[in-house]
N, C-alpha and C. Protein backbone atom coordinates (compact mmCIF):
# COMPACT_ATOMS: atom_id res chain seq x y z
N UNK A 1 19.86 -107.75 -59.69
CA UNK A 1 19.39 -109.13 -59.71
C UNK A 1 19.95 -109.89 -58.53
N UNK A 2 21.23 -109.80 -58.28
CA UNK A 2 21.85 -110.57 -57.21
C UNK A 2 21.36 -110.14 -55.84
N UNK A 3 21.01 -108.88 -55.68
CA UNK A 3 20.54 -108.41 -54.39
C UNK A 3 19.30 -109.15 -53.94
N UNK A 4 18.42 -109.48 -54.87
CA UNK A 4 17.19 -110.17 -54.50
C UNK A 4 17.45 -111.60 -54.07
N UNK A 5 18.59 -112.16 -54.45
CA UNK A 5 18.92 -113.54 -54.08
C UNK A 5 19.66 -113.64 -52.74
N UNK A 6 20.16 -112.52 -52.23
CA UNK A 6 20.99 -112.54 -51.02
C UNK A 6 20.26 -113.15 -49.82
N UNK A 7 18.97 -112.90 -49.72
CA UNK A 7 18.22 -113.35 -48.55
C UNK A 7 17.88 -114.84 -48.60
N UNK A 8 18.23 -115.52 -49.66
CA UNK A 8 17.88 -116.93 -49.83
C UNK A 8 19.07 -117.83 -49.48
N UNK A 9 18.75 -119.06 -49.06
CA UNK A 9 19.84 -120.02 -48.85
C UNK A 9 20.15 -120.70 -50.20
N UNK A 10 21.18 -121.53 -50.21
CA UNK A 10 21.65 -122.13 -51.47
C UNK A 10 20.57 -122.93 -52.19
N UNK A 11 19.80 -123.71 -51.45
CA UNK A 11 18.77 -124.53 -52.10
C UNK A 11 17.67 -123.65 -52.69
N UNK A 12 17.33 -122.55 -52.01
CA UNK A 12 16.32 -121.64 -52.54
C UNK A 12 16.84 -120.90 -53.77
N UNK A 13 18.10 -120.53 -53.76
CA UNK A 13 18.69 -119.89 -54.94
C UNK A 13 18.64 -120.83 -56.13
N UNK A 14 18.93 -122.10 -55.90
CA UNK A 14 18.86 -123.10 -56.98
C UNK A 14 17.44 -123.22 -57.51
N UNK A 15 16.45 -123.22 -56.61
CA UNK A 15 15.05 -123.30 -57.04
C UNK A 15 14.70 -122.11 -57.93
N UNK A 16 15.08 -120.92 -57.49
CA UNK A 16 14.77 -119.71 -58.26
C UNK A 16 15.45 -119.74 -59.62
N UNK A 17 16.74 -120.01 -59.64
CA UNK A 17 17.46 -119.97 -60.91
C UNK A 17 16.98 -121.07 -61.86
N UNK A 18 16.69 -122.25 -61.34
CA UNK A 18 16.19 -123.32 -62.21
C UNK A 18 14.84 -122.95 -62.82
N UNK A 19 13.94 -122.43 -61.99
CA UNK A 19 12.60 -122.08 -62.48
C UNK A 19 12.68 -120.94 -63.50
N UNK A 20 13.49 -119.93 -63.20
CA UNK A 20 13.59 -118.79 -64.11
C UNK A 20 14.28 -119.19 -65.41
N UNK A 21 15.31 -119.99 -65.32
CA UNK A 21 15.98 -120.46 -66.55
C UNK A 21 15.02 -121.27 -67.41
N UNK A 22 14.22 -122.12 -66.78
CA UNK A 22 13.27 -122.91 -67.54
C UNK A 22 12.20 -122.01 -68.16
N UNK A 23 11.69 -121.06 -67.39
CA UNK A 23 10.68 -120.15 -67.91
C UNK A 23 11.24 -119.34 -69.08
N UNK A 24 12.43 -118.81 -68.91
CA UNK A 24 13.06 -118.02 -69.98
C UNK A 24 13.29 -118.88 -71.22
N UNK A 25 13.71 -120.11 -71.03
CA UNK A 25 13.94 -121.01 -72.15
C UNK A 25 12.64 -121.26 -72.92
N UNK A 26 11.56 -121.51 -72.18
CA UNK A 26 10.26 -121.74 -72.82
C UNK A 26 9.78 -120.52 -73.60
N UNK A 27 10.08 -119.34 -73.08
CA UNK A 27 9.65 -118.09 -73.72
C UNK A 27 10.68 -117.55 -74.70
N UNK A 28 11.81 -118.25 -74.81
CA UNK A 28 12.91 -117.83 -75.70
C UNK A 28 13.40 -116.43 -75.34
N UNK A 29 13.60 -116.23 -74.02
CA UNK A 29 14.11 -114.96 -73.51
C UNK A 29 15.43 -115.19 -72.80
N UNK A 30 16.25 -114.15 -72.77
CA UNK A 30 17.50 -114.20 -72.02
C UNK A 30 17.19 -113.88 -70.56
N UNK A 31 17.84 -114.58 -69.65
CA UNK A 31 17.60 -114.35 -68.23
C UNK A 31 18.00 -112.93 -67.81
N UNK A 32 18.88 -112.30 -68.57
CA UNK A 32 19.31 -110.93 -68.28
C UNK A 32 18.40 -109.88 -68.92
N UNK A 33 17.37 -110.32 -69.63
CA UNK A 33 16.42 -109.38 -70.23
C UNK A 33 15.54 -108.77 -69.14
N UNK A 34 14.79 -107.75 -69.52
CA UNK A 34 13.87 -107.13 -68.56
C UNK A 34 12.88 -108.15 -68.01
N UNK A 35 12.35 -108.97 -68.89
CA UNK A 35 11.39 -109.99 -68.45
C UNK A 35 12.06 -111.05 -67.57
N UNK A 36 13.29 -111.42 -67.91
CA UNK A 36 14.02 -112.38 -67.10
C UNK A 36 14.29 -111.86 -65.71
N UNK A 37 14.66 -110.62 -65.61
CA UNK A 37 14.90 -110.00 -64.30
C UNK A 37 13.62 -109.90 -63.49
N UNK A 38 12.52 -109.59 -64.16
CA UNK A 38 11.23 -109.54 -63.48
C UNK A 38 10.85 -110.92 -62.97
N UNK A 39 11.12 -111.94 -63.78
CA UNK A 39 10.83 -113.31 -63.38
C UNK A 39 11.64 -113.71 -62.14
N UNK A 40 12.88 -113.26 -62.07
CA UNK A 40 13.70 -113.55 -60.88
C UNK A 40 13.07 -112.92 -59.65
N UNK A 41 12.66 -111.68 -59.76
CA UNK A 41 12.05 -110.99 -58.61
C UNK A 41 10.80 -111.72 -58.15
N UNK A 42 9.96 -112.11 -59.09
CA UNK A 42 8.73 -112.82 -58.74
C UNK A 42 9.05 -114.17 -58.13
N UNK A 43 10.00 -114.90 -58.70
CA UNK A 43 10.37 -116.21 -58.18
C UNK A 43 10.92 -116.10 -56.75
N UNK A 44 11.73 -115.08 -56.49
CA UNK A 44 12.26 -114.87 -55.14
C UNK A 44 11.10 -114.63 -54.17
N UNK A 45 10.16 -113.78 -54.57
CA UNK A 45 9.00 -113.51 -53.72
C UNK A 45 8.22 -114.79 -53.44
N UNK A 46 8.04 -115.61 -54.46
CA UNK A 46 7.31 -116.86 -54.28
C UNK A 46 8.04 -117.80 -53.32
N UNK A 47 9.34 -117.93 -53.49
CA UNK A 47 10.12 -118.80 -52.61
C UNK A 47 10.06 -118.30 -51.17
N UNK A 48 10.10 -117.00 -51.00
CA UNK A 48 10.04 -116.43 -49.65
C UNK A 48 8.68 -116.64 -48.99
N UNK A 49 7.65 -116.89 -49.79
CA UNK A 49 6.33 -117.19 -49.22
C UNK A 49 6.15 -118.70 -49.02
N UNK A 50 7.24 -119.43 -49.18
CA UNK A 50 7.26 -120.89 -48.93
C UNK A 50 6.37 -121.68 -49.88
N UNK A 51 6.34 -121.28 -51.14
CA UNK A 51 5.61 -122.06 -52.15
C UNK A 51 6.29 -123.42 -52.29
N UNK A 52 5.49 -124.44 -52.55
CA UNK A 52 6.06 -125.77 -52.76
C UNK A 52 6.95 -125.74 -54.01
N UNK A 53 8.14 -126.31 -53.92
CA UNK A 53 9.08 -126.26 -55.06
C UNK A 53 8.47 -126.76 -56.37
N UNK A 54 7.63 -127.77 -56.30
CA UNK A 54 7.06 -128.33 -57.53
C UNK A 54 6.00 -127.41 -58.14
N UNK A 55 5.56 -126.39 -57.41
CA UNK A 55 4.57 -125.45 -57.92
C UNK A 55 5.19 -124.13 -58.37
N UNK A 56 6.48 -123.96 -58.14
CA UNK A 56 7.13 -122.68 -58.41
C UNK A 56 7.04 -122.27 -59.88
N UNK A 57 7.40 -123.14 -60.78
CA UNK A 57 7.39 -122.78 -62.20
C UNK A 57 5.98 -122.43 -62.68
N UNK A 58 5.00 -123.21 -62.28
CA UNK A 58 3.62 -122.95 -62.71
C UNK A 58 3.13 -121.61 -62.18
N UNK A 59 3.41 -121.33 -60.92
CA UNK A 59 2.97 -120.05 -60.33
C UNK A 59 3.73 -118.89 -60.95
N UNK A 60 5.01 -119.08 -61.20
CA UNK A 60 5.82 -118.05 -61.87
C UNK A 60 5.22 -117.74 -63.24
N UNK A 61 4.90 -118.77 -63.98
CA UNK A 61 4.31 -118.57 -65.32
C UNK A 61 2.99 -117.81 -65.24
N UNK A 62 2.16 -118.19 -64.28
CA UNK A 62 0.87 -117.50 -64.13
C UNK A 62 1.06 -116.03 -63.80
N UNK A 63 1.96 -115.75 -62.87
CA UNK A 63 2.15 -114.36 -62.48
C UNK A 63 2.80 -113.55 -63.60
N UNK A 64 3.71 -114.14 -64.35
CA UNK A 64 4.32 -113.41 -65.47
C UNK A 64 3.31 -113.16 -66.56
N UNK A 65 2.35 -114.06 -66.75
CA UNK A 65 1.32 -113.87 -67.77
C UNK A 65 0.35 -112.74 -67.38
N UNK A 66 0.15 -112.54 -66.08
CA UNK A 66 -0.76 -111.51 -65.60
C UNK A 66 -0.16 -110.12 -65.72
N UNK A 67 1.14 -110.01 -65.75
CA UNK A 67 1.78 -108.68 -65.73
C UNK A 67 2.16 -108.22 -67.11
């Protein structure tokens, strides 16, 4: 999990962790679960593609629903 965050700066790490924590909370999942780890990977990918911060959670939710 931490390896995927290494390439991000502090503000991007905060965006990823906030979005994933919120998503996990809504789904009643632990961030360390398989789904939580997958959400982190997807969120990192989204941040690296320069998604607007306000769209991160919505796009994360859409992509997690597709998989």
